Structures are given as C-alpha cells and as structure tokens.
Amino acid sequence: MKNSLETKLGMFVILAVFAAWAIIETLGSADFFRPGYHVGALFDSAQDLKVGDRVKMAGVEIGRVESITLTNSKVNVLMKLHTEAVVKTDSQAVIKFTGLMGQNFVAVSFGSANGSRLTDGNYLETGEQPDLSAIMTKLDNAAAGIQNITKVFSGDKIDNILGPLTDFFKQNSAPITATIANVKNISSQIAAGQGTVGRLINEDALYVTALATVSNLQDTATSAKEALASAKLVINNVSAGQGTIGKLITDETLYHATTASMTNLNGILLKINQGQGTVGKLVNDQEFYKNAKVSLQKLDKAADGLEDQGPLSVIGIIAGQFGL
C-alpha cells in the first residue's frame, strides 16, 4: 500500500512538473530564466502580436517578446534575445505571421557583414508588413465586386445587352457582308501590288529612292566633315603663323611698321596744321590765298578781253600782261 501511494505521488509530481513546463513554454516565460540581452523596435501597428511570441532570424528562434506598449504614437516592442544571437545595427525587424490562422512573430534580418553588433538597450530598424485584416477586407471587397459583375451579366440582363446588337446584325446582314467582301477585295489588290498602296508595299522603287537619298546625305555629311577638317587645318596654320595671313596676324614686324608709319603721318599732319613747310604754308597762309584770288580775277578779266580780239592782238595782250 505504501509503495502504491508513493508511486502515485511520484507520478503526480512528474505530471505537475510536465504541465508547469508546458504552461511556461506556451506562455513564453521559459526564456525568463535564460540569459540574454534586450533590444527594442518601434512599429506603426502590433498586428495582434502578443507577449511571449517568438523572435526569429531566418526561421530560427533567437528570443521572445517581453512587452508591448504605446510610445509617442508608436508601438514599442521590447524583445529579449539569446546571448548567442548576433544582431547587427543595420538589421531590420518586421512583424510577420506564419499563416492565415498562425501565430505572429518578429522576423529579424541578418544585416550587412560590415555592421556592428547590437548591444543591450538599442533599437532595431523596422519595416511594416501588410495587415492581415486589411488584406482579408480587400479580398472580401473584391469577391463582392466579382459577385456583382456576375449578377449584372446573368440571365435576362445579358439578353437585354446583346439583344439590340443581335438585331442590328440581323437587319444589316447584307451591307455588312458587302463591306466584308469589299475589304477582302481591297486586301487582295494590295497583296497583288495593285494601286498606290499596293505599289508602295510591293515595289522596291520607294526603297531604292530612300536608300539613294540616305547615301547622298551620307556623302554630303562626309564632304562637310572634310571641309571642316580643312578649315580647321587652315585655322591651325594661321595660328601657327604660316602663310601670308598667318604672318600678317602673328608677325609683330608689320605691327611695328604700321605703328611707326602712323606716328610719322601724325607728325606730318601736325606740322601741316602748324603751318610748317610748303604744304603747311599753302594750307595756312592767307597771303597765298589772296594772291591766288587776285591772279584768278586777272585771268578772268583777260579771258573776257580776248573774246573781242584777233589772234595777233591776243598774242600782244598776253605778252603785255607778262611784260614781254
């Protein structure tokens, strides 16, 4: 009897321990006794995430969710990660679900190879997954829309839509048949190369003309390119001082000679303006002007007297004027 009671008590204790372990595992409190470090993540929506849900990396559990609170219009999710779990500073956390009826979990990406390890108290970058409820709502709306479409095109409504169209074809069957025959005849003529469109499609004249035009344009472009090359060569030669134009542009001898000539001309004009020399006196001396005027008056008077004299008289007058 004693052994039977002890056996039952031992079995009860084992079952109680097993049940306690199952409850702790289900509630996610087993990690409470496991060493680790804490990180956080801020989400726009928790999407039915609960305390105790798993934190996974590439499908492998690396921790559990410890708390979910609201902070500054964000959902602050605090997670306890295993000590051996290596999470990088550029890793990203996303709330995902295992299926339509599955449990939500936090998926953490690996991050880059050059990223540093996340330490206790740091926060992860986050990404937002489409909400399952919103997806189901959209699917429900889409199904309702499809159902409405099927209702519109069902039964007598299809007959109401297609009936007038069927009557139209029945009433105009002869013109429609003639139109189709004409289209067929036109397409046959085009295929045979008849008419303007048929010739454009079947004959090579337009192609040959276009090819010749393109060839001429290519030749013109080549000639223009050669002309530009020649002009560039001439400009380079002029810049280098070669040829007559190059020497005129680059040789300073002509510049100095021109400068000297302009200086001399300026000096001559200055002397003429000052009345120096023969030309200066002719330009500036008033006596020369008066004498020239008197001489012209005498010459005019003598010419008037010659009109009434004979040749001998004219010779005598001229001699008298000049003192001969």
Protein backbone atom coordinates (compact mmCIF):
# COMPACT_ATOMS: atom_id res chain seq x y z
CA MET A 1 0.00 0.00 0.00
CA LYS A 2 2.84 2.35 0.91
CA ASN A 3 4.66 1.68 -2.32
CA SER A 4 1.45 2.23 -4.28
CA LEU A 5 0.87 5.62 -2.61
CA GLU A 6 4.46 6.74 -3.21
CA THR A 7 4.21 5.62 -6.81
CA LYS A 8 1.02 7.63 -7.34
CA LEU A 9 2.55 10.66 -5.61
CA GLY A 10 5.66 10.43 -7.79
CA MET A 11 3.57 10.18 -10.93
CA PHE A 12 1.51 13.18 -9.83
CA VAL A 13 4.64 15.25 -9.23
CA ILE A 14 6.04 14.32 -12.65
CA LEU A 15 2.78 15.22 -14.35
CA ALA A 16 2.60 18.50 -12.40
CA VAL A 17 6.15 19.40 -13.46
CA PHE A 18 5.41 18.50 -17.06
CA ALA A 19 2.21 20.55 -17.01
CA ALA A 20 4.05 23.51 -15.47
CA TRP A 21 6.74 23.27 -18.14
CA ALA A 22 4.11 23.11 -20.90
CA ILE A 23 2.32 26.15 -19.50
CA ILE A 24 5.55 28.11 -19.18
CA GLU A 25 6.58 27.16 -22.72
CA THR A 26 3.18 28.10 -24.09
CA LEU A 27 3.16 31.47 -22.32
CA GLY A 28 6.72 32.15 -23.45
CA SER A 29 8.08 32.53 -19.95
CA ALA A 30 10.76 29.88 -20.29
CA ASP A 31 13.20 32.50 -21.52
CA PHE A 32 12.84 34.31 -18.20
CA PHE A 33 15.45 32.00 -16.72
CA ARG A 34 17.66 32.09 -19.81
CA PRO A 35 20.47 34.69 -20.06
CA GLY A 36 20.26 37.24 -22.86
CA TYR A 37 20.06 40.94 -23.74
CA HIS A 38 17.19 43.30 -24.52
CA VAL A 39 16.52 45.26 -27.72
CA GLY A 40 13.52 47.30 -28.83
CA ALA A 41 11.66 48.15 -32.03
CA LEU A 42 9.05 50.80 -32.85
CA PHE A 43 6.18 49.76 -35.14
CA ASP A 44 3.15 51.57 -36.55
CA SER A 45 0.96 48.56 -35.65
CA ALA A 46 1.46 45.48 -33.46
CA GLN A 47 -0.81 43.38 -35.77
CA ASP A 48 -2.05 41.10 -32.96
CA LEU A 49 1.48 40.44 -31.70
CA LYS A 50 1.41 39.19 -28.10
CA VAL A 51 3.85 38.97 -25.20
CA GLY A 52 5.73 35.67 -25.44
CA ASP A 53 5.63 35.47 -29.24
CA ARG A 54 8.85 34.32 -30.84
CA VAL A 55 11.62 36.41 -32.37
CA LYS A 56 13.17 34.63 -35.35
CA MET A 57 16.11 35.09 -37.67
CA ALA A 58 15.95 33.07 -40.91
CA GLY A 59 13.29 30.87 -39.29
CA VAL A 60 15.40 30.11 -36.19
CA GLU A 61 14.16 31.31 -32.82
CA ILE A 62 16.55 33.80 -31.21
CA GLY A 63 14.35 35.29 -28.49
CA ARG A 64 10.88 36.20 -27.23
CA VAL A 65 8.71 39.32 -26.98
CA GLU A 66 8.73 40.60 -23.39
CA SER A 67 6.47 43.66 -23.51
CA ILE A 68 4.29 45.69 -25.91
CA THR A 69 3.49 49.31 -25.04
CA LEU A 70 2.40 52.52 -26.78
CA THR A 71 5.01 55.28 -27.01
CA ASN A 72 4.60 58.56 -28.94
CA SER A 73 2.02 57.19 -31.40
CA LYS A 74 4.19 54.10 -31.95
CA VAL A 75 4.07 50.53 -30.68
CA ASN A 76 7.18 49.89 -28.58
CA VAL A 77 8.04 46.17 -28.71
CA LEU A 78 10.70 45.07 -26.19
CA MET A 79 12.41 41.75 -27.00
CA LYS A 80 14.79 39.52 -25.06
CA LEU A 81 17.32 37.90 -27.39
CA HIS A 82 19.55 34.92 -26.65
CA THR A 83 23.12 35.72 -25.74
CA GLU A 84 24.50 33.82 -28.73
CA ALA A 85 22.16 35.61 -31.18
CA VAL A 86 24.19 38.09 -33.26
CA VAL A 87 22.00 41.00 -34.44
CA LYS A 88 23.60 43.86 -36.41
CA THR A 89 22.86 47.55 -36.04
CA ASP A 90 21.51 47.64 -39.60
CA SER A 91 19.27 44.55 -39.15
CA GLN A 92 15.55 45.12 -39.69
CA ALA A 93 12.62 43.83 -37.64
CA VAL A 94 9.26 43.04 -39.28
CA ILE A 95 6.10 41.57 -37.71
CA LYS A 96 5.04 38.54 -39.77
CA PHE A 97 2.53 35.70 -39.47
CA THR A 98 3.10 32.01 -40.13
CA GLY A 99 -0.21 31.53 -41.94
CA LEU A 100 -3.79 32.73 -42.19
CA MET A 101 -4.53 31.16 -38.80
CA GLY A 102 -0.96 31.11 -37.47
CA GLN A 103 0.76 32.98 -34.68
CA ASN A 104 2.53 36.27 -35.29
CA PHE A 105 6.26 36.61 -34.72
CA VAL A 106 9.03 39.19 -35.15
CA ALA A 107 11.37 38.42 -38.06
CA VAL A 108 14.86 39.93 -37.82
CA SER A 109 17.14 40.13 -40.87
CA PHE A 110 20.86 39.35 -40.81
CA GLY A 111 22.11 42.84 -41.65
CA SER A 112 25.30 43.62 -43.55
CA ALA A 113 28.61 41.87 -42.99
CA ASN A 114 30.27 45.17 -42.04
CA GLY A 115 27.62 46.13 -39.48
CA SER A 116 28.48 46.19 -35.80
CA ARG A 117 26.70 44.02 -33.22
CA LEU A 118 23.63 45.42 -31.49
CA THR A 119 24.07 45.84 -27.73
CA ASP A 120 21.66 45.79 -24.82
CA GLY A 121 19.12 48.62 -24.84
CA ASN A 122 19.49 49.52 -28.55
CA TYR A 123 16.64 49.75 -31.03
CA LEU A 124 16.27 47.93 -34.34
CA GLU A 125 15.23 49.43 -37.65
CA THR A 126 11.69 48.35 -38.55
CA GLY A 127 9.65 47.56 -41.63
CA GLU A 128 5.87 47.28 -41.93
CA GLN A 129 4.11 44.16 -43.21
CA PRO A 130 0.59 44.44 -44.71
CA ASP A 131 -2.07 43.89 -42.06
CA LEU A 132 -3.85 40.55 -42.41
CA SER A 133 -7.19 42.13 -41.52
CA ALA A 134 -6.77 44.74 -44.24
CA ILE A 135 -5.84 42.04 -46.76
CA MET A 136 -8.90 39.99 -45.85
CA THR A 137 -11.10 43.10 -46.13
CA LYS A 138 -9.75 43.82 -49.61
CA LEU A 139 -10.31 40.19 -50.64
CA ASP A 140 -13.85 40.36 -49.35
CA ASN A 141 -14.49 43.59 -51.29
CA ALA A 142 -13.01 42.04 -54.43
CA ALA A 143 -15.23 38.96 -54.04
CA ALA A 144 -18.27 41.20 -53.59
CA GLY A 145 -17.33 43.13 -56.75
CA ILE A 146 -16.96 39.92 -58.75
CA GLN A 147 -20.32 38.74 -57.46
CA ASN A 148 -21.96 41.99 -58.55
CA ILE A 149 -20.42 41.66 -62.01
CA THR A 150 -21.76 38.13 -62.37
CA LYS A 151 -25.20 39.37 -61.33
CA VAL A 152 -25.08 42.08 -63.99
CA PHE A 153 -24.21 39.61 -66.75
CA SER A 154 -26.57 36.86 -65.69
CA GLY A 155 -29.96 35.78 -67.07
CA ASP A 156 -32.12 38.25 -68.90
CA LYS A 157 -29.66 41.15 -68.37
CA ILE A 158 -27.24 39.59 -70.84
CA ASP A 159 -30.13 39.19 -73.28
CA ASN A 160 -31.03 42.86 -72.78
CA ILE A 161 -27.47 43.91 -73.56
CA LEU A 162 -26.81 41.59 -76.50
CA GLY A 163 -30.34 41.63 -77.93
CA PRO A 164 -30.13 45.01 -79.72
CA LEU A 165 -26.71 44.12 -81.05
CA THR A 166 -28.03 40.83 -82.44
CA ASP A 167 -30.98 42.60 -84.05
CA PHE A 168 -28.63 45.14 -85.64
CA PHE A 169 -26.55 42.39 -87.26
CA LYS A 170 -29.69 40.61 -88.48
CA GLN A 171 -31.15 43.76 -90.05
CA ASN A 172 -27.89 44.82 -91.71
CA SER A 173 -26.50 41.44 -92.66
CA ALA A 174 -26.41 42.28 -96.40
CA PRO A 175 -24.50 45.60 -96.07
CA ILE A 176 -22.13 44.04 -93.55
CA THR A 177 -21.48 41.13 -95.90
CA ALA A 178 -20.83 43.53 -98.80
CA THR A 179 -18.46 45.59 -96.65
CA ILE A 180 -16.50 42.50 -95.66
CA ALA A 181 -16.32 41.46 -99.33
CA ASN A 182 -15.02 44.91 -100.31
CA VAL A 183 -12.38 44.81 -97.60
CA LYS A 184 -11.34 41.37 -98.78
CA ASN A 185 -11.16 42.61 -102.40
CA ILE A 186 -9.05 45.64 -101.40
CA SER A 187 -6.66 43.48 -99.37
CA SER A 188 -6.32 41.12 -102.33
CA GLN A 189 -5.44 44.02 -104.65
CA ILE A 190 -2.91 45.35 -102.19
CA ALA A 191 -1.36 41.90 -101.86
CA ALA A 192 -1.18 41.71 -105.68
CA GLY A 193 0.65 45.04 -105.84
CA GLN A 194 -2.21 46.96 -107.45
CA GLY A 195 -2.95 50.60 -106.71
CA THR A 196 -0.83 53.18 -104.91
CA VAL A 197 -0.79 51.38 -101.58
CA GLY A 198 -0.05 48.07 -103.27
CA ARG A 199 2.89 49.54 -105.17
CA LEU A 200 4.26 51.22 -102.08
CA ILE A 201 4.16 47.88 -100.25
CA ASN A 202 5.33 45.55 -103.02
CA GLU A 203 7.64 47.60 -105.26
CA ASP A 204 11.21 48.47 -104.40
CA ALA A 205 11.23 51.89 -106.10
CA LEU A 206 10.47 53.81 -102.93
CA TYR A 207 13.07 51.78 -101.02
CA VAL A 208 15.71 52.40 -103.72
CA THR A 209 14.93 56.13 -103.76
CA ALA A 210 15.12 56.35 -99.99
CA LEU A 211 18.37 54.39 -99.99
CA ALA A 212 19.84 56.74 -102.63
CA THR A 213 18.74 59.76 -100.60
CA VAL A 214 20.37 58.37 -97.48
CA SER A 215 23.55 57.65 -99.46
CA ASN A 216 23.59 61.24 -100.78
CA LEU A 217 23.11 62.55 -97.27
CA GLN A 218 26.00 60.39 -96.09
CA ASP A 219 28.20 61.72 -98.93
CA THR A 220 27.19 65.29 -98.06
CA ALA A 221 28.00 64.68 -94.42
CA THR A 222 31.40 63.25 -95.41
CA SER A 223 32.13 66.29 -97.61
CA ALA A 224 31.09 68.65 -94.84
CA LYS A 225 33.33 66.76 -92.44
CA GLU A 226 36.27 67.07 -94.84
CA ALA A 227 35.54 70.79 -95.33
CA LEU A 228 35.53 71.32 -91.58
CA ALA A 229 38.79 69.42 -91.30
CA SER A 230 40.35 71.64 -94.00
CA ALA A 231 39.07 74.79 -92.32
CA LYS A 232 40.47 73.56 -89.02
CA LEU A 233 43.85 72.93 -90.70
CA VAL A 234 43.85 76.46 -92.20
CA ILE A 235 42.99 77.97 -88.82
CA ASN A 236 45.76 75.98 -87.19
CA ASN A 237 48.25 77.15 -89.86
CA VAL A 238 47.16 80.78 -89.38
CA SER A 239 47.51 80.39 -85.61
CA ALA A 240 50.98 78.94 -86.15
CA GLY A 241 51.98 81.96 -88.28
CA GLN A 242 52.22 80.05 -91.57
CA GLY A 243 51.31 81.67 -94.89
CA THR A 244 50.64 85.30 -95.72
CA ILE A 245 47.60 85.66 -93.47
CA GLY A 246 49.38 83.86 -90.66
CA LYS A 247 52.35 86.20 -90.88
CA LEU A 248 50.09 89.26 -91.08
CA ILE A 249 48.27 88.11 -87.94
CA THR A 250 51.16 86.80 -85.86
CA ASP A 251 54.26 88.73 -87.10
CA GLU A 252 54.88 91.83 -84.96
CA THR A 253 57.10 93.44 -87.64
CA LEU A 254 54.08 94.62 -89.60
CA TYR A 255 52.54 95.91 -86.39
CA HIS A 256 55.65 97.92 -85.51
CA ALA A 257 55.99 99.22 -89.10
CA THR A 258 52.34 100.29 -89.13
CA THR A 259 52.75 101.94 -85.76
CA ALA A 260 55.82 103.84 -86.97
CA SER A 261 54.03 104.94 -90.17
CA MET A 262 51.06 106.19 -88.19
CA THR A 263 53.42 108.07 -85.89
CA ASN A 264 55.16 109.72 -88.89
CA LEU A 265 51.85 110.59 -90.54
CA ASN A 266 50.63 112.11 -87.30
CA GLY A 267 53.81 114.22 -87.14
CA ILE A 268 53.36 115.40 -90.74
CA LEU A 269 49.75 116.34 -90.17
CA LEU A 270 50.77 118.18 -87.02
CA LYS A 271 53.39 120.24 -88.96
CA ILE A 272 50.86 121.00 -91.72
CA ASN A 273 48.37 122.15 -89.12
CA GLN A 274 51.04 124.37 -87.56
CA GLY A 275 51.87 125.93 -90.98
CA GLN A 276 55.32 124.42 -91.30
CA GLY A 277 56.80 123.56 -94.69
CA THR A 278 55.45 124.30 -98.17
CA VAL A 279 52.22 122.36 -97.76
CA GLY A 280 51.67 123.91 -94.35
CA LYS A 281 52.09 127.40 -95.72
CA LEU A 282 49.82 126.63 -98.66
CA VAL A 283 47.15 125.42 -96.27
CA ASN A 284 47.50 128.04 -93.54
CA ASP A 285 48.98 131.21 -95.24
CA GLN A 286 46.27 133.77 -96.06
CA GLU A 287 48.59 135.78 -98.41
CA PHE A 288 48.85 132.85 -100.79
CA TYR A 289 45.07 132.65 -100.82
CA LYS A 290 44.78 136.40 -101.59
CA ASN A 291 47.42 136.26 -104.36
CA ALA A 292 45.77 133.23 -105.91
CA LYS A 293 42.44 135.03 -105.81
CA VAL A 294 43.84 138.19 -107.47
CA SER A 295 45.54 136.07 -110.16
CA LEU A 296 42.32 134.27 -110.91
CA GLN A 297 40.48 137.62 -111.15
CA LYS A 298 43.08 138.93 -113.63
CA LEU A 299 42.91 135.75 -115.63
CA ASP A 300 39.14 136.00 -115.78
CA LYS A 301 39.36 139.62 -116.89
CA ALA A 302 41.91 138.78 -119.57
CA ALA A 303 39.71 135.99 -120.83
CA ASP A 304 36.82 138.42 -121.22
CA GLY A 305 39.04 140.78 -123.25
CA LEU A 306 40.22 138.01 -125.54
CA GLU A 307 36.75 137.30 -126.77
CA ASP A 308 36.76 140.56 -128.92
CA GLN A 309 40.38 140.49 -130.17
CA GLY A 310 42.03 138.76 -133.08
CA PRO A 311 44.87 136.29 -132.81
CA LEU A 312 47.66 138.93 -133.10
CA SER A 313 46.01 141.20 -130.63
CA VAL A 314 45.60 138.32 -128.28
CA ILE A 315 49.30 137.49 -128.51
CA GLY A 316 50.17 141.13 -127.87
CA ILE A 317 47.89 141.36 -124.91
CA ILE A 318 49.31 138.18 -123.38
CA ALA A 319 52.83 139.44 -123.92
CA GLY A 320 51.90 142.75 -122.39
CA GLN A 321 50.43 141.05 -119.37
CA PHE A 322 53.59 139.06 -118.78
CA GLY A 323 55.92 142.03 -119.57
CA LEU A 324 57.30 140.66 -122.84
